[in-house]
Amino acid sequence: MELKNELVGIIHYTLRNDEGETIDTSAGEAPLEYLHGFQNIVPGLEDALSGKKVGDTFNVSVEPEQGYGELDPSLVQELPKEMFQGVDQVEVGMAFHAETQNGMQTVEVIEVDEETVTIDGNHPLAGQTLNFEIEVVGIREATADELQHGHVHSAEGCGH
């Protein structure tokens, strides 16, 4: 069976940056299961997985435009500290959900001074080439519920 739309791909992966540092891996963990063709993974990786079979192993580099996008300077904003009332101590690295013109978005605090807080709405991997090592360990038919919901369900379901 070849991996194609509406099938569940089951993969082991290691993701490295251009310096060779491991960013994420499924090694020693359960493999990643995703619904092919439903944008559950970055487009460049999904494209590279199309047509693969169980047992296939390969490396693929995904450029930013097919990964998490280019860095968007407009997503970095300096805000008055008063906007964070109710938060005892705003610190670099904290994440918040913010209502934006594109809906709810996660933003990260990247700088704090006496009067302002600078947030970044870019994905942490935006602007980076993603270097994947992939092993296809399984392919299966998706259930009707998975197809309807657009993602893989665990044994416990998905809570919809």
Protein backbone atom coordinates (compact mmCIF):
# COMPACT_ATOMS: atom_id res chain seq x y z
CA MET A 1 0.00 0.00 0.00
CA GLU A 2 1.30 3.46 -0.95
CA LEU A 3 0.74 6.48 1.23
CA LYS A 4 -1.91 8.74 -0.32
CA ASN A 5 -4.74 11.04 0.67
CA GLU A 6 -7.24 9.72 3.22
CA LEU A 7 -4.85 7.08 4.56
CA VAL A 8 -3.13 7.20 7.95
CA GLY A 9 0.64 7.42 7.73
CA ILE A 10 2.63 6.06 10.67
CA ILE A 11 6.20 7.35 10.79
CA HIS A 12 9.24 7.61 12.96
CA TYR A 13 11.07 10.87 12.46
CA THR A 14 13.98 12.96 13.60
CA LEU A 15 13.92 16.68 12.89
CA ARG A 16 17.19 18.62 12.84
CA ASN A 17 18.08 22.22 12.12
CA ASP A 18 20.79 23.24 9.64
CA GLU A 19 23.41 23.00 12.40
CA GLY A 20 22.53 19.32 12.89
CA GLU A 21 20.94 19.83 16.30
CA THR A 22 17.96 17.59 17.02
CA ILE A 23 14.82 19.69 17.43
CA ASP A 24 12.35 16.82 17.82
CA THR A 25 12.27 13.05 17.41
CA SER A 26 9.99 10.10 17.88
CA ALA A 27 12.96 7.84 18.70
CA GLY A 28 12.18 5.83 21.81
CA GLU A 29 8.53 6.94 21.63
CA ALA A 30 5.45 5.85 19.75
CA PRO A 31 5.56 6.73 16.06
CA LEU A 32 3.65 9.73 14.74
CA GLU A 33 0.30 8.93 13.13
CA TYR A 34 -1.22 11.51 10.81
CA LEU A 35 -4.01 11.70 8.24
CA HIS A 36 -2.43 12.17 4.83
CA GLY A 37 -3.83 15.01 2.74
CA PHE A 38 -5.41 16.88 5.66
CA GLN A 39 -2.54 19.26 6.49
CA ASN A 40 -1.78 17.52 9.79
CA ILE A 41 1.96 17.93 9.09
CA VAL A 42 3.94 20.58 7.21
CA PRO A 43 3.25 20.56 3.45
CA GLY A 44 6.81 19.79 2.36
CA LEU A 45 7.00 16.68 4.53
CA GLU A 46 3.54 15.51 3.48
CA ASP A 47 4.51 15.92 -0.20
CA ALA A 48 7.71 13.91 0.37
CA LEU A 49 5.71 11.11 2.03
CA SER A 50 3.23 10.75 -0.86
CA GLY A 51 3.71 7.41 -2.58
CA LYS A 52 5.98 5.97 0.11
CA LYS A 53 5.52 2.42 1.39
CA VAL A 54 6.05 0.69 4.72
CA GLY A 55 9.78 0.20 5.23
CA ASP A 56 10.81 3.24 3.20
CA THR A 57 13.43 5.42 4.86
CA PHE A 58 14.58 8.76 3.51
CA ASN A 59 15.87 12.22 4.34
CA VAL A 60 14.15 15.39 3.21
CA SER A 61 14.92 19.07 3.69
CA VAL A 62 11.83 21.28 3.82
CA GLU A 63 12.35 24.95 3.04
CA PRO A 64 10.49 27.53 5.18
CA GLU A 65 7.77 28.22 2.62
CA GLN A 66 6.81 24.51 2.73
CA GLY A 67 7.38 24.27 6.48
CA TYR A 68 6.35 26.86 9.06
CA GLY A 69 6.71 29.84 6.74
CA GLU A 70 9.14 32.72 6.56
CA LEU A 71 9.61 34.99 9.55
CA ASP A 72 6.97 37.73 9.43
CA PRO A 73 8.23 40.91 11.11
CA SER A 74 4.65 42.17 11.47
CA LEU A 75 4.03 39.36 13.98
CA VAL A 76 6.56 40.90 16.38
CA GLN A 77 4.90 43.62 18.44
CA GLU A 78 5.80 45.79 21.39
CA LEU A 79 2.86 46.16 23.77
CA PRO A 80 2.30 48.20 26.92
CA LYS A 81 2.91 46.13 30.04
CA GLU A 82 -0.57 47.08 31.31
CA MET A 83 -2.04 44.70 28.72
CA PHE A 84 -0.76 41.82 30.86
CA GLN A 85 -2.70 42.70 34.00
CA GLY A 86 -3.48 39.64 36.05
CA VAL A 87 -0.13 38.03 35.24
CA ASP A 88 2.15 38.27 38.27
CA GLN A 89 5.47 38.18 36.45
CA VAL A 90 5.73 38.41 32.64
CA GLU A 91 8.95 36.67 31.57
CA VAL A 92 10.77 35.91 28.33
CA GLY A 93 9.67 32.53 26.98
CA MET A 94 6.10 32.71 28.30
CA ALA A 95 3.38 31.89 25.78
CA PHE A 96 -0.06 33.45 25.58
CA HIS A 97 -3.11 33.00 23.37
CA ALA A 98 -4.00 36.23 21.62
CA GLU A 99 -6.93 37.23 19.46
CA THR A 100 -5.54 38.47 16.12
CA GLN A 101 -6.98 39.40 12.75
CA ASN A 102 -6.35 35.75 11.80
CA GLY A 103 -8.14 34.35 14.85
CA MET A 104 -6.61 32.89 18.01
CA GLN A 105 -2.83 32.62 17.85
CA THR A 106 -0.10 31.63 20.26
CA VAL A 107 2.46 34.36 20.90
CA GLU A 108 5.73 34.14 22.80
CA VAL A 109 7.24 36.84 24.99
CA ILE A 110 10.69 37.63 23.58
CA GLU A 111 11.58 40.77 25.58
CA VAL A 112 10.38 42.51 28.72
CA ASP A 113 11.39 45.91 30.03
CA GLU A 114 9.94 48.35 32.58
CA GLU A 115 7.07 49.56 30.39
CA THR A 116 6.69 47.17 27.45
CA VAL A 117 6.45 43.51 26.53
CA THR A 118 7.57 42.38 23.07
CA ILE A 119 5.71 39.37 21.69
CA ASP A 120 6.36 37.21 18.63
CA GLY A 121 3.52 35.44 16.84
CA ASN A 122 5.80 33.56 14.44
CA HIS A 123 6.01 29.80 14.85
CA PRO A 124 9.29 28.98 16.67
CA LEU A 125 10.51 27.17 13.52
CA ALA A 126 9.46 29.89 11.04
CA GLY A 127 12.27 30.85 8.71
CA GLN A 128 14.14 27.60 9.29
CA THR A 129 14.89 24.74 6.92
CA LEU A 130 13.55 21.53 8.48
CA ASN A 131 15.78 18.48 7.97
CA PHE A 132 13.86 15.25 8.51
CA GLU A 133 14.99 11.64 8.72
CA ILE A 134 11.91 9.52 8.09
CA GLU A 135 10.99 5.84 8.40
CA VAL A 136 7.52 4.77 7.28
CA VAL A 137 6.49 2.10 9.80
CA GLY A 138 2.83 1.73 8.91
CA ILE A 139 -0.02 2.74 6.65
CA ARG A 140 -3.67 2.03 7.36
CA GLU A 141 -7.13 2.97 6.23
CA ALA A 142 -8.59 5.94 8.10
CA THR A 143 -11.83 5.45 9.98
CA ALA A 144 -14.96 7.32 8.93
CA ASP A 145 -14.68 9.47 12.09
CA GLU A 146 -11.06 10.34 11.34
CA LEU A 147 -11.97 11.40 7.81
CA GLN A 148 -14.91 13.44 9.08
CA HIS A 149 -12.82 15.17 11.77
CA GLY A 150 -9.70 15.54 9.61
CA HIS A 151 -7.21 13.95 12.02
CA VAL A 152 -6.18 10.62 13.56
CA HIS A 153 -7.98 9.46 16.68
CA SER A 154 -6.33 7.65 19.56
CA ALA A 155 -7.83 4.50 21.05
CA GLU A 156 -9.76 6.76 23.44
CA GLY A 157 -11.22 8.85 20.59
CA CYS A 158 -10.70 12.57 20.13
CA GLY A 159 -13.22 14.19 22.42
CA HIS A 160 -15.32 15.92 19.73
